[in-house]
Amino acid sequence: MYEFIKGKLVEKNPTYVVIEANGIGFILHISIHTYTKLKEEEDCSLFTHFVVREDAQILYGFAEVEERELFRQLISVSGVGPNTARMIFSSASPSEVANAIGQGNATFLQGIKGIGAKTAQRVIVDLKGKLSKELIPCEKVETGYNTKKEEALSGLVILGFSKLMAEKVLNKIIEKEGAALPVEQLIRHALKIL
């Protein structure tokens, strides 16, 4: 119903904020992740998700679209409600959560308060194949050392190409053109081939 709310930040707490927009004060329930992203500025904008229950109507606020999208995916899982999903983002960043789901790491999810073994497994089973590529950083290259090839590979994976295919193409480009190409050129050449 509401895409985002932009206005004056009136009150900021670790669990909720109050934003005044056009003379109306909106309470938005937030995670610790969003809380850390909010600066102490007067003006702010949060993406929203509106939950209607029998006994309440609640707005949830998110600093990033990716957090909101992952929140929506999480609450679609049986046994995971909005408060549990918010607790997940208060314990870990959205990229860490998406990474754990993508890798099937139930132990990581069980380490979050309110998530038991069955719920962790259900989240992984239900969401592993459903999360969009933008939300799953697990396919990105490990950043043990930062090379141009790794940066280009990471960029191609974010754009939606499979890691294996992108890596093969990048290897061919580096063999042919040399390793001196900047990251942007590597990506451009790879996009022509892919």
Foldseek 3Di string as FASTA:
>chain_A
DFFKDKAFFDAADQQWTWGADPNDTAIAGAANLQSVVDDPGGIDMWTWDWDDDPVDIHIHTHNDPLLVVVLVLLCVFPPQHNVNSSQQCNVDPQQVVLQCLLVVPLVVVCVGPPDHSVSSNSSSVRPNPPDDQQRHQNQQDDPPDDALLSVLLSVVSNVPDHSVLLNVLLVVCCVVPNRPDGNVVSNVSSVVVD
